Amino acid sequence: MCRSIKRLRDGIEIAPTEEIREAALQYVRKVSGFREPSARHREAFDRAVDEVAAASSELLDAVAREMA
């Protein structure tokens, strides 16, 4: 789906928070169809990016803990 999103984990090394957020932004853009949402959709768009980034961070942290 989002081939341009780079891998965020290499072994136990996790990408920095900013890279995780950038991947979340790309994902939400793809899913929503918005490159830049209108003012009316901005709050929901930003909230979705935050939630995807948080879920991604939790997943990566859990995987890294299990591999350590």
Foldseek 3Di string as FASTA:
>chain_A
DQVVLDDQDDQLDGHDLVSLLVSLLSVLCVVVVHPPDDPVCNVVSVVSSVVSSVVVVVVSNVNSVVRD
